[in-house]
Each structure stands twice: as structure tokens, then as C-alpha cells.
Amino acid sequence: MPDAVGLELLAQELRDAEPASVVDTVYFRDKAQIVVNSAMIVAILEHLRAKGFDFLASVHGVDYYPEEPRLGVHYELLDMSAVDRLTVKLRVPIDNPAVPSVTPNWPTADHQEREVYDMFGVVFEGHPSLRRILMPEDYEGYPQRRDFPIGGEPVLFTFNENQMPGWWEKANGGWQGSESGR
């Protein structure tokens, strides 16, 4: 959007087309953002496509911890003819992080929605193949959430193998080896 007034006009147009669809608008540092109701995302993006925002540049996840609703999904749209950019945001609670998938209408969202699912745990309902792509299938947790433990596990390479004595005996968060292994 070229200015804040244009953003508000677009938001009102969305409200007229889909009542209760727009939650808020933000215009900060020359960047237009529309915060929307998560259940309406497919209809909102289609309406914006008809307005010229026909390029979905990215879909990414956000964790607003400790705020609620905690998880967010951001859609970056471009209008290539007007050389304009618009961010569409939505938020979902951690106990029900479900969002309709936009992949059927925007094929570029396929892997991006899977990445948000894999890293944040947002479930994209109607996605044709929602599964982990970065973490192992049996991995528990979502590494990009802010409450995820950052310590991780030590990585063993051949050059540091002798610096981690008893590494093979580590179990349940504590060293089970000799005193020198602590």
C-alpha cells in the first residue's frame, strides 16, 4: 500500500466483502499489514488477488510468546504491476493451532506451510500433504517455538569425540558414566 489511507480503504473493502474478517490494520515504517480472522484467510487472499496482489512471496510462522493467541502466520503478497507489498497476518491459540490451507489456490504455499507446521506446529487444514520436511517424522516438539529448550544435544564429531567421555552412556538428561564423564 502506498500509504496508511490506502490500507484503511482496503481493510474496509475486506470488511464489506467478508464481515468480521479484518481484526486490525498496522502501518509502520512504510509497511502495510492487515491482521485477519484465521478462518477467513482463503477468502481474504482471493479478494486481495483480485485487487492485484497476485504473487504470494512467502508464508512464515511467528511465536508471540507470552502473548495469546500465541502463534501467528504471515503471508507476504506482492502486486507486481503497482510494485506494492502487503502483509496479511493471522493468529491462532496454541491449544488449537488450525488454519485453512491456501495451497489449493496458491501452489507456492505448499512447502512453506509444511515448514511452518514442522517448526511451529500450526496445522494447515486441507493441505494435500502436511508432514514434517525439516525434522524427522518421529521428532517431538517444534524447534522455532520460543519455549523450546535451546540447549539441545551435544553434536559428536570425530574431532571432539575424546572431549566427551561417556557420551554413549548419557540417558535421561544426566551422565551415567564414571566421575570423569561428568
C-alpha atoms as a PDB file:
ATOM      1  CA  MET A   1       0.000   0.000   0.000  1.00  0.00           C
ATOM      2  CA  PRO A   2       1.389   3.384  -0.829  1.00  0.00           C
ATOM      3  CA  ASP A   3       0.071   4.969   2.377  1.00  0.00           C
ATOM      4  CA  ALA A   4      -1.940   4.398   5.544  1.00  0.00           C
ATOM      5  CA  VAL A   5      -5.121   5.772   3.984  1.00  0.00           C
ATOM      6  CA  GLY A   6      -4.944   3.204   1.175  1.00  0.00           C
ATOM      7  CA  LEU A   7      -4.505   0.463   3.770  1.00  0.00           C
ATOM      8  CA  GLU A   8      -7.613   1.561   5.665  1.00  0.00           C
ATOM      9  CA  LEU A   9      -9.651   1.732   2.451  1.00  0.00           C
ATOM     10  CA  LEU A  10      -8.558  -1.785   1.516  1.00  0.00           C
ATOM     11  CA  ALA A  11      -9.345  -3.053   5.033  1.00  0.00           C
ATOM     12  CA  GLN A  12     -12.834  -1.516   4.850  1.00  0.00           C
ATOM     13  CA  GLU A  13     -13.380  -3.142   1.466  1.00  0.00           C
ATOM     14  CA  LEU A  14     -12.450  -6.507   3.003  1.00  0.00           C
ATOM     15  CA  ARG A  15     -14.812  -5.881   5.923  1.00  0.00           C
ATOM     16  CA  ASP A  16     -17.627  -5.073   3.494  1.00  0.00           C
ATOM     17  CA  ALA A  17     -16.985  -8.237   1.464  1.00  0.00           C
ATOM     18  CA  GLU A  18     -16.468 -10.519   4.490  1.00  0.00           C
ATOM     19  CA  PRO A  19     -17.869  -9.163   7.772  1.00  0.00           C
ATOM     20  CA  ALA A  20     -15.618  -9.788  10.808  1.00  0.00           C
ATOM     21  CA  SER A  21     -12.709 -10.668   8.540  1.00  0.00           C
ATOM     22  CA  VAL A  22     -10.318  -7.841   9.481  1.00  0.00           C
ATOM     23  CA  VAL A  23      -9.186  -7.691  13.097  1.00  0.00           C
ATOM     24  CA  ASP A  24      -6.733  -4.786  12.819  1.00  0.00           C
ATOM     25  CA  THR A  25      -4.513  -2.786  10.495  1.00  0.00           C
ATOM     26  CA  VAL A  26      -0.932  -1.698  11.105  1.00  0.00           C
ATOM     27  CA  TYR A  27       1.050   0.826   9.103  1.00  0.00           C
ATOM     28  CA  PHE A  28       4.589   1.003  10.438  1.00  0.00           C
ATOM     29  CA  ARG A  29       7.789   2.117   8.731  1.00  0.00           C
ATOM     30  CA  ASP A  30       6.045   2.422   5.367  1.00  0.00           C
ATOM     31  CA  LYS A  31       4.828  -1.173   5.545  1.00  0.00           C
ATOM     32  CA  ALA A  32       1.134  -2.073   5.357  1.00  0.00           C
ATOM     33  CA  GLN A  33      -0.160  -5.001   7.408  1.00  0.00           C
ATOM     34  CA  ILE A  34      -3.662  -6.393   7.791  1.00  0.00           C
ATOM     35  CA  VAL A  35      -4.467  -8.659  10.735  1.00  0.00           C
ATOM     36  CA  VAL A  36      -7.309 -11.015   9.813  1.00  0.00           C
ATOM     37  CA  ASN A  37      -9.541 -13.703  11.240  1.00  0.00           C
ATOM     38  CA  SER A  38      -7.810 -17.055  10.622  1.00  0.00           C
ATOM     39  CA  ALA A  39     -10.978 -18.794   9.429  1.00  0.00           C
ATOM     40  CA  MET A  40     -11.336 -16.250   6.590  1.00  0.00           C
ATOM     41  CA  ILE A  41      -7.783 -16.421   5.185  1.00  0.00           C
ATOM     42  CA  VAL A  42      -8.676 -18.204   1.944  1.00  0.00           C
ATOM     43  CA  ALA A  43     -11.429 -15.719   1.037  1.00  0.00           C
ATOM     44  CA  ILE A  44      -9.291 -12.737   2.046  1.00  0.00           C
ATOM     45  CA  LEU A  45      -6.314 -13.810  -0.060  1.00  0.00           C
ATOM     46  CA  GLU A  46      -8.601 -14.429  -3.041  1.00  0.00           C
ATOM     47  CA  HIS A  47     -10.124 -10.971  -2.640  1.00  0.00           C
ATOM     48  CA  LEU A  48      -6.633  -9.444  -2.494  1.00  0.00           C
ATOM     49  CA  ARG A  49      -5.615 -11.442  -5.571  1.00  0.00           C
ATOM     50  CA  ALA A  50      -8.478  -9.816  -7.471  1.00  0.00           C
ATOM     51  CA  LYS A  51      -7.156  -6.416  -6.309  1.00  0.00           C
ATOM     52  CA  GLY A  52      -3.786  -7.129  -7.951  1.00  0.00           C
ATOM     53  CA  PHE A  53      -1.866  -8.849  -5.148  1.00  0.00           C
ATOM     54  CA  ASP A  54      -1.373 -11.969  -7.241  1.00  0.00           C
ATOM     55  CA  PHE A  55       2.072 -13.083  -6.063  1.00  0.00           C
ATOM     56  CA  LEU A  56       2.411 -14.905  -2.745  1.00  0.00           C
ATOM     57  CA  ALA A  57       6.059 -14.268  -1.908  1.00  0.00           C
ATOM     58  CA  SER A  58       6.212 -16.102   1.413  1.00  0.00           C
ATOM     59  CA  VAL A  59       4.337 -17.794   4.226  1.00  0.00           C
ATOM     60  CA  HIS A  60       6.063 -17.889   7.565  1.00  0.00           C
ATOM     61  CA  GLY A  61       5.329 -18.609  11.198  1.00  0.00           C
ATOM     62  CA  VAL A  62       5.781 -16.498  14.302  1.00  0.00           C
ATOM     63  CA  ASP A  63       5.637 -17.246  18.025  1.00  0.00           C
ATOM     64  CA  TYR A  64       4.340 -14.287  20.053  1.00  0.00           C
ATOM     65  CA  TYR A  65       5.091 -15.909  23.422  1.00  0.00           C
ATOM     66  CA  PRO A  66       3.945 -14.973  26.069  1.00  0.00           C
ATOM     67  CA  GLU A  67       1.009 -13.246  24.322  1.00  0.00           C
ATOM     68  CA  GLU A  68      -2.164 -15.076  23.382  1.00  0.00           C
ATOM     69  CA  PRO A  69      -3.189 -16.088  20.808  1.00  0.00           C
ATOM     70  CA  ARG A  70       0.377 -17.201  20.667  1.00  0.00           C
ATOM     71  CA  LEU A  71       1.136 -18.492  17.169  1.00  0.00           C
ATOM     72  CA  GLY A  72       0.952 -16.445  14.008  1.00  0.00           C
ATOM     73  CA  VAL A  73       1.158 -16.968  10.280  1.00  0.00           C
ATOM     74  CA  HIS A  74       2.253 -14.157   7.950  1.00  0.00           C
ATOM     75  CA  TYR A  75       1.541 -14.042   4.220  1.00  0.00           C
ATOM     76  CA  GLU A  76       3.606 -11.638   2.107  1.00  0.00           C
ATOM     77  CA  LEU A  77       1.732 -10.565  -1.031  1.00  0.00           C
ATOM     78  CA  LEU A  78       3.085  -8.567  -3.941  1.00  0.00           C
ATOM     79  CA  ASP A  79       1.334  -6.543  -6.596  1.00  0.00           C
ATOM     80  CA  MET A  80       3.872  -6.749  -9.402  1.00  0.00           C
ATOM     81  CA  SER A  81       2.201  -4.178 -11.664  1.00  0.00           C
ATOM     82  CA  ALA A  82       1.915  -1.491  -8.961  1.00  0.00           C
ATOM     83  CA  VAL A  83       5.161  -2.640  -7.284  1.00  0.00           C
ATOM     84  CA  ASP A  84       3.378  -2.891  -3.952  1.00  0.00           C
ATOM     85  CA  ARG A  85       3.688  -5.162  -0.937  1.00  0.00           C
ATOM     86  CA  LEU A  86       1.136  -6.183   1.684  1.00  0.00           C
ATOM     87  CA  THR A  87       1.497  -8.393   4.748  1.00  0.00           C
ATOM     88  CA  VAL A  88      -1.543 -10.378   5.864  1.00  0.00           C
ATOM     89  CA  LYS A  89      -1.262 -11.708   9.417  1.00  0.00           C
ATOM     90  CA  LEU A  90      -3.343 -14.057  11.492  1.00  0.00           C
ATOM     91  CA  ARG A  91      -3.007 -15.522  14.973  1.00  0.00           C
ATOM     92  CA  VAL A  92      -4.120 -18.839  16.452  1.00  0.00           C
ATOM     93  CA  PRO A  93      -4.064 -20.195  20.004  1.00  0.00           C
ATOM     94  CA  ILE A  94      -1.540 -22.852  20.951  1.00  0.00           C
ATOM     95  CA  ASP A  95      -4.262 -25.295  22.066  1.00  0.00           C
ATOM     96  CA  ASN A  96      -5.926 -25.232  18.610  1.00  0.00           C
ATOM     97  CA  PRO A  97      -3.395 -24.017  16.032  1.00  0.00           C
ATOM     98  CA  ALA A  98      -5.562 -24.727  12.972  1.00  0.00           C
ATOM     99  CA  VAL A  99      -5.593 -22.561   9.844  1.00  0.00           C
ATOM    100  CA  PRO A 100      -7.196 -23.322   6.463  1.00  0.00           C
ATOM    101  CA  SER A 101      -4.568 -24.163   3.861  1.00  0.00           C
ATOM    102  CA  VAL A 102      -4.177 -21.778   0.930  1.00  0.00           C
ATOM    103  CA  THR A 103      -2.193 -24.329  -1.081  1.00  0.00           C
ATOM    104  CA  PRO A 104      -5.086 -25.279  -3.433  1.00  0.00           C
ATOM    105  CA  ASN A 105      -5.245 -21.658  -4.674  1.00  0.00           C
ATOM    106  CA  TRP A 106      -1.598 -20.716  -4.157  1.00  0.00           C
ATOM    107  CA  PRO A 107       0.642 -23.707  -5.014  1.00  0.00           C
ATOM    108  CA  THR A 108       3.734 -21.832  -3.860  1.00  0.00           C
ATOM    109  CA  ALA A 109       2.434 -22.154  -0.280  1.00  0.00           C
ATOM    110  CA  ASP A 110       2.855 -25.954  -0.314  1.00  0.00           C
ATOM    111  CA  HIS A 111       6.332 -26.286   1.171  1.00  0.00           C
ATOM    112  CA  GLN A 112       6.072 -23.063   3.130  1.00  0.00           C
ATOM    113  CA  GLU A 113       3.000 -24.283   5.037  1.00  0.00           C
ATOM    114  CA  ARG A 114       4.780 -27.572   5.693  1.00  0.00           C
ATOM    115  CA  GLU A 115       7.756 -25.698   7.111  1.00  0.00           C
ATOM    116  CA  VAL A 116       5.525 -23.625   9.423  1.00  0.00           C
ATOM    117  CA  TYR A 117       3.857 -26.850  10.546  1.00  0.00           C
ATOM    118  CA  ASP A 118       7.225 -28.515  11.135  1.00  0.00           C
ATOM    119  CA  MET A 119       8.816 -25.635  13.050  1.00  0.00           C
ATOM    120  CA  PHE A 120       5.815 -24.114  14.896  1.00  0.00           C
ATOM    121  CA  GLY A 121       3.081 -26.779  14.944  1.00  0.00           C
ATOM    122  CA  VAL A 122       0.452 -24.790  13.028  1.00  0.00           C
ATOM    123  CA  VAL A 123      -1.886 -27.284  11.349  1.00  0.00           C
ATOM    124  CA  PHE A 124      -2.988 -26.258   7.862  1.00  0.00           C
ATOM    125  CA  GLU A 125      -6.363 -27.918   7.339  1.00  0.00           C
ATOM    126  CA  GLY A 126      -6.900 -29.156   3.793  1.00  0.00           C
ATOM    127  CA  HIS A 127      -3.206 -29.236   2.926  1.00  0.00           C
ATOM    128  CA  PRO A 128      -2.585 -32.037   0.397  1.00  0.00           C
ATOM    129  CA  SER A 129       0.465 -33.486   2.185  1.00  0.00           C
ATOM    130  CA  LEU A 130       1.019 -31.924   5.609  1.00  0.00           C
ATOM    131  CA  ARG A 131       4.026 -33.657   7.139  1.00  0.00           C
ATOM    132  CA  ARG A 132       7.434 -32.803   8.525  1.00  0.00           C
ATOM    133  CA  ILE A 133      10.057 -31.802   5.974  1.00  0.00           C
ATOM    134  CA  LEU A 134      12.950 -30.498   8.099  1.00  0.00           C
ATOM    135  CA  MET A 135      12.759 -32.643  11.220  1.00  0.00           C
ATOM    136  CA  PRO A 136      12.451 -36.443  11.438  1.00  0.00           C
ATOM    137  CA  GLU A 137       8.877 -37.773  11.300  1.00  0.00           C
ATOM    138  CA  ASP A 138       9.084 -39.069  14.896  1.00  0.00           C
ATOM    139  CA  TYR A 139      10.528 -35.808  16.305  1.00  0.00           C
ATOM    140  CA  GLU A 140       8.636 -34.428  19.282  1.00  0.00           C
ATOM    141  CA  GLY A 141       8.229 -30.687  19.627  1.00  0.00           C
ATOM    142  CA  TYR A 142       8.537 -27.626  17.434  1.00  0.00           C
ATOM    143  CA  PRO A 143      12.018 -26.075  17.395  1.00  0.00           C
ATOM    144  CA  GLN A 144      11.060 -22.499  16.475  1.00  0.00           C
ATOM    145  CA  ARG A 145       8.674 -22.031  19.368  1.00  0.00           C
ATOM    146  CA  ARG A 146      10.077 -19.696  21.980  1.00  0.00           C
ATOM    147  CA  ASP A 147       9.584 -22.160  24.818  1.00  0.00           C
ATOM    148  CA  PHE A 148      11.638 -24.842  23.067  1.00  0.00           C
ATOM    149  CA  PRO A 149      14.798 -25.686  25.074  1.00  0.00           C
ATOM    150  CA  ILE A 150      17.773 -24.037  23.392  1.00  0.00           C
ATOM    151  CA  GLY A 151      20.467 -26.208  24.960  1.00  0.00           C
ATOM    152  CA  GLY A 152      19.879 -29.071  22.588  1.00  0.00           C
ATOM    153  CA  GLU A 153      22.088 -32.113  22.492  1.00  0.00           C
ATOM    154  CA  PRO A 154      25.855 -32.088  22.020  1.00  0.00           C
ATOM    155  CA  VAL A 155      26.865 -32.915  18.481  1.00  0.00           C
ATOM    156  CA  LEU A 156      29.531 -35.581  18.236  1.00  0.00           C
ATOM    157  CA  PHE A 157      32.146 -35.334  15.520  1.00  0.00           C
ATOM    158  CA  THR A 158      35.343 -37.309  15.207  1.00  0.00           C
ATOM    159  CA  PHE A 159      37.440 -34.298  16.251  1.00  0.00           C
ATOM    160  CA  ASN A 160      35.640 -33.857  19.610  1.00  0.00           C
ATOM    161  CA  GLU A 161      34.879 -37.491  20.423  1.00  0.00           C
ATOM    162  CA  ASN A 162      37.598 -37.717  23.097  1.00  0.00           C
ATOM    163  CA  GLN A 163      36.374 -34.477  24.723  1.00  0.00           C
ATOM    164  CA  MET A 164      33.002 -36.041  25.522  1.00  0.00           C
ATOM    165  CA  PRO A 165      33.842 -39.125  27.578  1.00  0.00           C
ATOM    166  CA  GLY A 166      30.903 -41.371  28.314  1.00  0.00           C
ATOM    167  CA  TRP A 167      28.742 -39.726  25.634  1.00  0.00           C
ATOM    168  CA  TRP A 168      27.281 -43.105  24.730  1.00  0.00           C
ATOM    169  CA  GLU A 169      26.077 -43.585  28.318  1.00  0.00           C
ATOM    170  CA  LYS A 170      24.107 -40.361  28.555  1.00  0.00           C
ATOM    171  CA  ALA A 171      20.483 -41.091  29.378  1.00  0.00           C
ATOM    172  CA  ASN A 172      17.507 -39.101  30.682  1.00  0.00           C
ATOM    173  CA  GLY A 173      19.385 -35.823  30.986  1.00  0.00           C
ATOM    174  CA  GLY A 174      22.267 -36.992  33.174  1.00  0.00           C
ATOM    175  CA  TRP A 175      25.614 -38.701  32.803  1.00  0.00           C
ATOM    176  CA  GLN A 176      25.557 -42.341  33.882  1.00  0.00           C
ATOM    177  CA  GLY A 177      29.283 -42.935  33.371  1.00  0.00           C
ATOM    178  CA  SER A 178      32.280 -42.521  35.657  1.00  0.00           C
ATOM    179  CA  GLU A 179      33.170 -39.391  37.605  1.00  0.00           C
ATOM    180  CA  SER A 180      35.464 -38.259  34.793  1.00  0.00           C
ATOM    181  CA  GLY A 181      32.471 -38.335  32.443  1.00  0.00           C
ATOM    182  CA  ARG A 182      30.554 -35.677  34.382  1.00  0.00           C
END
